[in-house]
Every structure is written in structure tokens, then in C-alpha cells.
PDB file of N, CA and C in Angstrom:
ATOM      1  N   UNK A   1     125.853  80.123 181.859  1.00  0.00           N
ATOM      2  CA  UNK A   1     125.731  79.420 180.599  1.00  0.00           C
ATOM      3  C   UNK A   1     124.324  78.852 180.464  1.00  0.00           C
ATOM      4  N   UNK A   2     123.807  78.959 179.283  1.00  0.00           N
ATOM      5  CA  UNK A   2     122.468  78.421 179.072  1.00  0.00           C
ATOM      6  C   UNK A   2     122.557  76.935 178.727  1.00  0.00           C
ATOM      7  N   UNK A   3     121.416  76.289 178.793  1.00  0.00           N
ATOM      8  CA  UNK A   3     121.369  74.854 178.515  1.00  0.00           C
ATOM      9  C   UNK A   3     121.721  74.566 177.060  1.00  0.00           C
ATOM     10  N   UNK A   4     121.366  75.491 176.167  1.00  0.00           N
ATOM     11  CA  UNK A   4     121.649  75.291 174.752  1.00  0.00           C
ATOM     12  C   UNK A   4     123.144  75.311 174.484  1.00  0.00           C
ATOM     13  N   UNK A   5     123.852  76.241 175.091  1.00  0.00           N
ATOM     14  CA  UNK A   5     125.291  76.315 174.850  1.00  0.00           C
ATOM     15  C   UNK A   5     126.016  75.123 175.482  1.00  0.00           C
ATOM     16  N   UNK A   6     125.511  74.624 176.603  1.00  0.00           N
ATOM     17  CA  UNK A   6     126.115  73.439 177.209  1.00  0.00           C
ATOM     18  C   UNK A   6     125.927  72.218 176.305  1.00  0.00           C
ATOM     19  N   UNK A   7     124.746  72.108 175.724  1.00  0.00           N
ATOM     20  CA  UNK A   7     124.497  70.996 174.808  1.00  0.00           C
ATOM     21  C   UNK A   7     125.369  71.110 173.565  1.00  0.00           C
ATOM     22  N   UNK A   8     125.555  72.331 173.075  1.00  0.00           N
ATOM     23  CA  UNK A   8     126.381  72.529 171.888  1.00  0.00           C
ATOM     24  C   UNK A   8     127.834  72.170 172.157  1.00  0.00           C
ATOM     25  N   UNK A   9     128.356  72.554 173.312  1.00  0.00           N
ATOM     26  CA  UNK A   9     129.752  72.223 173.622  1.00  0.00           C
ATOM     27  C   UNK A   9     129.914  70.714 173.813  1.00  0.00           C
ATOM     28  N   UNK A  10     128.930  70.062 174.413  1.00  0.00           N
ATOM     29  CA  UNK A  10     128.997  68.607 174.558  1.00  0.00           C
ATOM     30  C   UNK A  10     128.921  67.936 173.194  1.00  0.00           C
ATOM     31  N   UNK A  11     128.091  68.466 172.308  1.00  0.00           N
ATOM     32  CA  UNK A  11     127.939  67.909 170.960  1.00  0.00           C
ATOM     33  C   UNK A  11     129.217  68.086 170.153  1.00  0.00           C
ATOM     34  N   UNK A  12     129.809  69.261 170.206  1.00  0.00           N
ATOM     35  CA  UNK A  12     130.998  69.528 169.408  1.00  0.00           C
ATOM     36  C   UNK A  12     132.232  68.814 169.958  1.00  0.00           C
ATOM     37  N   UNK A  13     132.234  68.427 171.227  1.00  0.00           N
ATOM     38  CA  UNK A  13     133.376  67.729 171.806  1.00  0.00           C
ATOM     39  C   UNK A  13     133.321  66.226 171.563  1.00  0.00           C
ATOM     40  N   UNK A  14     132.223  65.728 171.034  1.00  0.00           N
ATOM     41  CA  UNK A  14     132.055  64.287 170.834  1.00  0.00           C
ATOM     42  C   UNK A  14     132.914  63.754 169.708  1.00  0.00           C
ATOM     43  N   UNK A  15     133.071  62.453 169.690  1.00  0.00           N
ATOM     44  CA  UNK A  15     133.824  61.803 168.629  1.00  0.00           C
ATOM     45  C   UNK A  15     132.857  61.250 167.591  1.00  0.00           C
ATOM     46  N   UNK A  16     133.280  61.194 166.344  1.00  0.00           N
ATOM     47  CA  UNK A  16     132.384  60.672 165.310  1.00  0.00           C
ATOM     48  C   UNK A  16     132.105  59.189 165.508  1.00  0.00           C
ATOM     49  N   UNK A  17     130.960  58.764 165.040  1.00  0.00           N
ATOM     50  CA  UNK A  17     130.551  57.366 165.155  1.00  0.00           C
ATOM     51  C   UNK A  17     131.365  56.524 164.191  1.00  0.00           C
ATOM     52  N   UNK A  18     131.848  55.403 164.669  1.00  0.00           N
ATOM     53  CA  UNK A  18     132.513  54.434 163.799  1.00  0.00           C
ATOM     54  C   UNK A  18     131.763  53.110 163.902  1.00  0.00           C
ATOM     55  N   UNK A  19     131.604  52.477 162.781  1.00  0.00           N
ATOM     56  CA  UNK A  19     130.869  51.217 162.736  1.00  0.00           C
ATOM     57  C   UNK A  19     131.662  50.116 163.434  1.00  0.00           C
ATOM     58  N   UNK A  20     130.969  49.203 164.148  1.00  0.00           N
ATOM     59  CA  UNK A  20     131.689  48.116 164.811  1.00  0.00           C
ATOM     60  C   UNK A  20     132.215  47.058 163.833  1.00  0.00           C
ATOM     61  N   UNK A  21     131.627  46.981 162.663  1.00  0.00           N
ATOM     62  CA  UNK A  21     132.055  46.025 161.643  1.00  0.00           C
ATOM     63  C   UNK A  21     132.528  46.779 160.410  1.00  0.00           C
ATOM     64  N   UNK A  22     133.553  46.287 159.734  1.00  0.00           N
ATOM     65  CA  UNK A  22     133.982  46.963 158.508  1.00  0.00           C
ATOM     66  C   UNK A  22     132.937  46.804 157.403  1.00  0.00           C
ATOM     67  N   UNK A  23     132.908  47.769 156.496  1.00  0.00           N
ATOM     68  CA  UNK A  23     131.914  47.726 155.423  1.00  0.00           C
ATOM     69  C   UNK A  23     132.119  46.535 154.494  1.00  0.00           C
ATOM     70  N   UNK A  24     133.325  46.036 154.406  1.00  0.00           N
ATOM     71  CA  UNK A  24     133.588  44.896 153.521  1.00  0.00           C
ATOM     72  C   UNK A  24     132.958  43.608 154.043  1.00  0.00           C
ATOM     73  N   UNK A  25     132.583  43.566 155.319  1.00  0.00           N
ATOM     74  CA  UNK A  25     131.972  42.368 155.894  1.00  0.00           C
ATOM     75  C   UNK A  25     130.458  42.325 155.694  1.00  0.00           C
ATOM     76  N   UNK A  26     129.845  43.422 155.315  1.00  0.00           N
ATOM     77  CA  UNK A  26     128.387  43.467 155.201  1.00  0.00           C
ATOM     78  C   UNK A  26     127.827  42.498 154.156  1.00  0.00           C
ATOM     79  N   UNK A  27     128.386  42.392 152.942  1.00  0.00           N
ATOM     80  CA  UNK A  27     127.819  41.422 151.989  1.00  0.00           C
ATOM     81  C   UNK A  27     127.931  39.975 152.462  1.00  0.00           C
ATOM     82  N   UNK A  28     129.044  39.635 153.064  1.00  0.00           N
ATOM     83  CA  UNK A  28     129.229  38.263 153.540  1.00  0.00           C
ATOM     84  C   UNK A  28     128.248  37.957 154.662  1.00  0.00           C
ATOM     85  N   UNK A  29     128.090  38.899 155.582  1.00  0.00           N
ATOM     86  CA  UNK A  29     127.133  38.698 156.673  1.00  0.00           C
ATOM     87  C   UNK A  29     125.707  38.632 156.149  1.00  0.00           C
ATOM     88  N   UNK A  30     125.387  39.427 155.130  1.00  0.00           N
ATOM     89  CA  UNK A  30     124.046  39.397 154.554  1.00  0.00           C
ATOM     90  C   UNK A  30     123.743  38.025 153.949  1.00  0.00           C
ATOM     91  N   UNK A  31     124.664  37.517 153.163  1.00  0.00           N
ATOM     92  CA  UNK A  31     124.455  36.219 152.528  1.00  0.00           C
ATOM     93  C   UNK A  31     124.352  35.113 153.574  1.00  0.00           C
ATOM     94  N   UNK A  32     125.231  35.155 154.561  1.00  0.00           N
ATOM     95  CA  UNK A  32     125.258  34.114 155.583  1.00  0.00           C
ATOM     96  C   UNK A  32     123.992  34.101 156.419  1.00  0.00           C
ATOM     97  N   UNK A  33     123.571  35.263 156.905  1.00  0.00           N
ATOM     98  CA  UNK A  33     122.401  35.299 157.782  1.00  0.00           C
ATOM     99  C   UNK A  33     121.105  35.029 157.014  1.00  0.00           C
ATOM    100  N   UNK A  34     120.998  35.516 155.801  1.00  0.00           N
ATOM    101  CA  UNK A  34     119.789  35.240 155.016  1.00  0.00           C
ATOM    102  C   UNK A  34     119.708  33.754 154.678  1.00  0.00           C
ATOM    103  N   UNK A  35     120.835  33.150 154.329  1.00  0.00           N
ATOM    104  CA  UNK A  35     120.843  31.708 154.029  1.00  0.00           C
ATOM    105  C   UNK A  35     120.451  30.886 155.252  1.00  0.00           C
ATOM    106  N   UNK A  36     121.022  31.229 156.399  1.00  0.00           N
ATOM    107  CA  UNK A  36     120.673  30.499 157.619  1.00  0.00           C
ATOM    108  C   UNK A  36     119.210  30.716 157.992  1.00  0.00           C
ATOM    109  N   UNK A  37     118.702  31.926 157.823  1.00  0.00           N
ATOM    110  CA  UNK A  37     117.298  32.200 158.111  1.00  0.00           C
ATOM    111  C   UNK A  37     116.362  31.439 157.194  1.00  0.00           C
ATOM    112  N   UNK A  38     116.714  31.354 155.922  1.00  0.00           N
ATOM    113  CA  UNK A  38     115.894  30.582 154.986  1.00  0.00           C
ATOM    114  C   UNK A  38     115.960  29.089 155.284  1.00  0.00           C
ATOM    115  N   UNK A  39     117.091  28.631 155.786  1.00  0.00           N
ATOM    116  CA  UNK A  39     117.195  27.225 156.182  1.00  0.00           C
ATOM    117  C   UNK A  39     116.210  26.906 157.308  1.00  0.00           C
ATOM    118  N   UNK A  40     116.187  27.760 158.340  1.00  0.00           N
ATOM    119  CA  UNK A  40     115.259  27.518 159.454  1.00  0.00           C
ATOM    120  C   UNK A  40     113.810  27.659 159.003  1.00  0.00           C
ATOM    121  N   UNK A  41     113.535  28.601 158.097  1.00  0.00           N
ATOM    122  CA  UNK A  41     112.164  28.762 157.597  1.00  0.00           C
ATOM    123  C   UNK A  41     111.738  27.541 156.783  1.00  0.00           C
ATOM    124  N   UNK A  42     112.627  27.019 155.965  1.00  0.00           N
ATOM    125  CA  UNK A  42     112.304  25.832 155.171  1.00  0.00           C
ATOM    126  C   UNK A  42     112.147  24.608 156.058  1.00  0.00           C
ATOM    127  N   UNK A  43     112.992  24.503 157.067  1.00  0.00           N
ATOM    128  CA  UNK A  43     112.893  23.380 158.006  1.00  0.00           C
ATOM    129  C   UNK A  43     111.546  23.401 158.727  1.00  0.00           C
ATOM    130  N   UNK A  44     111.097  24.601 159.079  1.00  0.00           N
ATOM    131  CA  UNK A  44     109.791  24.743 159.729  1.00  0.00           C
ATOM    132  C   UNK A  44     108.663  24.391 158.756  1.00  0.00           C
ATOM    133  N   UNK A  45     108.776  24.843 157.521  1.00  0.00           N
ATOM    134  CA  UNK A  45     107.708  24.623 156.544  1.00  0.00           C
ATOM    135  C   UNK A  45     107.591  23.189 156.081  1.00  0.00           C
ATOM    136  N   UNK A  46     108.686  22.470 156.039  1.00  0.00           N
ATOM    137  CA  UNK A  46     108.676  21.104 155.529  1.00  0.00           C
ATOM    138  C   UNK A  46     108.285  20.099 156.599  1.00  0.00           C
ATOM    139  N   UNK A  47     108.601  20.386 157.852  1.00  0.00           N
ATOM    140  CA  UNK A  47     108.416  19.399 158.912  1.00  0.00           C
ATOM    141  C   UNK A  47     106.942  19.094 159.162  1.00  0.00           C
ATOM    142  N   UNK A  48     106.703  17.898 159.651  1.00  0.00           N
ATOM    143  CA  UNK A  48     105.357  17.467 159.983  1.00  0.00           C
ATOM    144  C   UNK A  48     105.108  17.470 161.486  1.00  0.00           C
ATOM    145  N   UNK A  49     106.082  17.893 162.259  1.00  0.00           N
ATOM    146  CA  UNK A  49     105.944  17.894 163.714  1.00  0.00           C
ATOM    147  C   UNK A  49     105.001  19.004 164.152  1.00  0.00           C
ATOM    148  N   UNK A  50     104.238  18.735 165.176  1.00  0.00           N
ATOM    149  CA  UNK A  50     103.279  19.706 165.684  1.00  0.00           C
ATOM    150  C   UNK A  50     103.649  20.207 167.072  1.00  0.00           C
ATOM    151  N   UNK A  51     104.867  20.000 167.491  1.00  0.00           N
ATOM    152  CA  UNK A  51     105.319  20.405 168.810  1.00  0.00           C
ATOM    153  C   UNK A  51     105.576  21.911 168.843  1.00  0.00           C
ATOM    154  N   UNK A  52     105.104  22.571 169.894  1.00  0.00           N
ATOM    155  CA  UNK A  52     105.316  24.005 170.024  1.00  0.00           C
ATOM    156  C   UNK A  52     106.792  24.325 170.233  1.00  0.00           C
ATOM    157  N   UNK A  53     107.520  23.434 170.900  1.00  0.00           N
ATOM    158  CA  UNK A  53     108.955  23.645 171.110  1.00  0.00           C
ATOM    159  C   UNK A  53     109.711  23.595 169.790  1.00  0.00           C
ATOM    160  N   UNK A  54     109.346  22.662 168.919  1.00  0.00           N
ATOM    161  CA  UNK A  54     109.990  22.564 167.612  1.00  0.00           C
ATOM    162  C   UNK A  54     109.676  23.791 166.764  1.00  0.00           C
ATOM    163  N   UNK A  55     108.434  24.241 166.816  1.00  0.00           N
ATOM    164  CA  UNK A  55     108.057  25.411 166.038  1.00  0.00           C
ATOM    165  C   UNK A  55     108.799  26.652 166.505  1.00  0.00           C
ATOM    166  N   UNK A  56     108.880  26.856 167.821  1.00  0.00           N
ATOM    167  CA  UNK A  56     109.596  28.017 168.336  1.00  0.00           C
ATOM    168  C   UNK A  56     111.093  27.919 168.073  1.00  0.00           C
ATOM    169  N   UNK A  57     111.629  26.712 168.114  1.00  0.00           N
ATOM    170  CA  UNK A  57     113.054  26.524 167.864  1.00  0.00           C
ATOM    171  C   UNK A  57     113.423  26.801 166.413  1.00  0.00           C
ATOM    172  N   UNK A  58     112.441  26.844 165.535  1.00  0.00           N
ATOM    173  CA  UNK A  58     112.702  27.152 164.134  1.00  0.00           C
ATOM    174  C   UNK A  58     112.265  28.552 163.731  1.00  0.00           C
ATOM    175  N   UNK A  59     111.161  29.027 164.284  1.00  0.00           N
ATOM    176  CA  UNK A  59     110.658  30.330 163.855  1.00  0.00           C
ATOM    177  C   UNK A  59     111.432  31.494 164.461  1.00  0.00           C
ATOM    178  N   UNK A  60     111.835  31.375 165.709  1.00  0.00           N
ATOM    179  CA  UNK A  60     112.562  32.486 166.341  1.00  0.00           C
ATOM    180  C   UNK A  60     113.926  32.702 165.682  1.00  0.00           C
ATOM    181  N   UNK A  61     114.754  31.662 165.496  1.00  0.00           N
ATOM    182  CA  UNK A  61     116.017  31.905 164.794  1.00  0.00           C
ATOM    183  C   UNK A  61     115.817  32.389 163.356  1.00  0.00           C
ATOM    184  N   UNK A  62     114.778  31.864 162.695  1.00  0.00           N
ATOM    185  CA  UNK A  62     114.509  32.294 161.329  1.00  0.00           C
ATOM    186  C   UNK A  62     114.186  33.785 161.281  1.00  0.00           C
ATOM    187  N   UNK A  63     113.339  34.248 162.159  1.00  0.00           N
ATOM    188  CA  UNK A  63     112.962  35.656 162.170  1.00  0.00           C
ATOM    189  C   UNK A  63     114.146  36.556 162.511  1.00  0.00           C
ATOM    190  N   UNK A  64     114.926  36.153 163.492  1.00  0.00           N
ATOM    191  CA  UNK A  64     116.083  36.963 163.901  1.00  0.00           C
ATOM    192  C   UNK A  64     117.130  37.008 162.785  1.00  0.00           C
ATOM    193  N   UNK A  65     117.447  35.852 162.218  1.00  0.00           N
ATOM    194  CA  UNK A  65     118.465  35.805 161.169  1.00  0.00           C
ATOM    195  C   UNK A  65     118.028  36.549 159.916  1.00  0.00           C
ATOM    196  N   UNK A  66     116.765  36.400 159.521  1.00  0.00           N
ATOM    197  CA  UNK A  66     116.291  37.123 158.341  1.00  0.00           C
ATOM    198  C   UNK A  66     116.235  38.626 158.603  1.00  0.00           C
ATOM    199  N   UNK A  67     115.886  39.026 159.816  1.00  0.00           N
ATOM    200  CA  UNK A  67     115.877  40.446 160.149  1.00  0.00           C
ATOM    201  C   UNK A  67     117.264  41.059 160.057  1.00  0.00           C
ATOM    202  N   UNK A  68     118.248  40.413 160.674  1.00  0.00           N
ATOM    203  CA  UNK A  68     119.614  40.913 160.580  1.00  0.00           C
ATOM    204  C   UNK A  68     120.147  40.812 159.154  1.00  0.00           C
ATOM    205  N   UNK A  69     119.757  39.777 158.450  1.00  0.00           N
ATOM    206  CA  UNK A  69     120.200  39.621 157.065  1.00  0.00           C
ATOM    207  C   UNK A  69     119.722  40.749 156.175  1.00  0.00           C
ATOM    208  N   UNK A  70     118.484  41.171 156.355  1.00  0.00           N
ATOM    209  CA  UNK A  70     117.958  42.279 155.561  1.00  0.00           C
ATOM    210  C   UNK A  70     118.679  43.575 155.905  1.00  0.00           C
ATOM    211  N   UNK A  71     118.961  43.785 157.185  1.00  0.00           N
ATOM    212  CA  UNK A  71     119.695  44.995 157.585  1.00  0.00           C
ATOM    213  C   UNK A  71     121.088  44.992 156.961  1.00  0.00           C
ATOM    214  N   UNK A  72     121.788  43.859 157.013  1.00  0.00           N
ATOM    215  CA  UNK A  72     123.114  43.787 156.408  1.00  0.00           C
ATOM    216  C   UNK A  72     123.036  43.915 154.890  1.00  0.00           C
ATOM    217  N   UNK A  73     121.967  43.409 154.280  1.00  0.00           N
ATOM    218  CA  UNK A  73     121.792  43.576 152.840  1.00  0.00           C
ATOM    219  C   UNK A  73     121.614  45.046 152.492  1.00  0.00           C
ATOM    220  N   UNK A  74     120.800  45.750 153.259  1.00  0.00           N
ATOM    221  CA  UNK A  74     120.641  47.187 153.039  1.00  0.00           C
ATOM    222  C   UNK A  74     121.966  47.920 153.197  1.00  0.00           C
ATOM    223  N   UNK A  75     122.724  47.572 154.228  1.00  0.00           N
ATOM    224  CA  UNK A  75     124.011  48.225 154.454  1.00  0.00           C
ATOM    225  C   UNK A  75     124.998  47.923 153.336  1.00  0.00           C
ATOM    226  N   UNK A  76     124.956  46.720 152.793  1.00  0.00           N
ATOM    227  CA  UNK A  76     125.917  46.350 151.756  1.00  0.00           C
ATOM    228  C   UNK A  76     125.646  47.070 150.436  1.00  0.00           C
ATOM    229  N   UNK A  77     124.409  47.482 150.193  1.00  0.00           N
ATOM    230  CA  UNK A  77     124.112  48.205 148.947  1.00  0.00           C
ATOM    231  C   UNK A  77     124.099  49.714 149.145  1.00  0.00           C
ATOM    232  N   UNK A  78     124.409  50.173 150.362  1.00  0.00           N
ATOM    233  CA  UNK A  78     124.532  51.612 150.606  1.00  0.00           C
ATOM    234  C   UNK A  78     123.314  52.278 151.168  1.00  0.00           C
ATOM    235  N   UNK A  79     122.343  51.529 151.611  1.00  0.00           N
ATOM    236  CA  UNK A  79     121.146  52.090 152.229  1.00  0.00           C
ATOM    237  C   UNK A  79     121.347  52.025 153.735  1.00  0.00           C
ATOM    238  N   UNK A  80     121.791  53.107 154.335  1.00  0.00           N
ATOM    239  CA  UNK A  80     122.180  53.092 155.741  1.00  0.00           C
ATOM    240  C   UNK A  80     120.965  53.340 156.620  1.00  0.00           C
ATOM    241  N   UNK A  81     120.611  52.327 157.395  1.00  0.00           N
ATOM    242  CA  UNK A  81     119.446  52.407 158.275  1.00  0.00           C
ATOM    243  C   UNK A  81     119.870  52.481 159.712  1.00  0.00           C
TER     244      UNK A  81
END
């Protein structure tokens, strides 16, 4: 057997991908994560503290939440990334 036919049999024997979250949860997750991300971004922008710990405690969650929020927003409108 050649390597190509072995790969084809492994490919054809596989199971289809199923999403870990139902599609109906994507809009709710998008709204929730984007709102939480904007909260941390606003908290960072409004504060007068100059501590590096405070800045990291606000910017890292903001970036992560907004990143996931955008992905869930894309998924909720049918743009599968």
C-alpha cells in the first residue's frame, strides 16, 4: 500500500467535526465577552493608577475577552473562522 492510499483510508474513516458549543450560544457569548472586554478596557482607560500590575490586570483580560468576543461575533453571523 502506498502512503497516499493509507492517508485516504484514514481520512475517509474519520468522524465529522462537531462544534463544542451549540450555534445558539454564539450570540450570547459574543455579547457577554465583548461587554466584559470593554469593561476592562474602560477601567484601564479611566484609571489614574500607574502600577504595572494594575495595567496588566486590566489589559490582558480585555485583550483576551475582546478577541474571543470577535470570534464569537463572527460565528454568530455565519462567518466561520
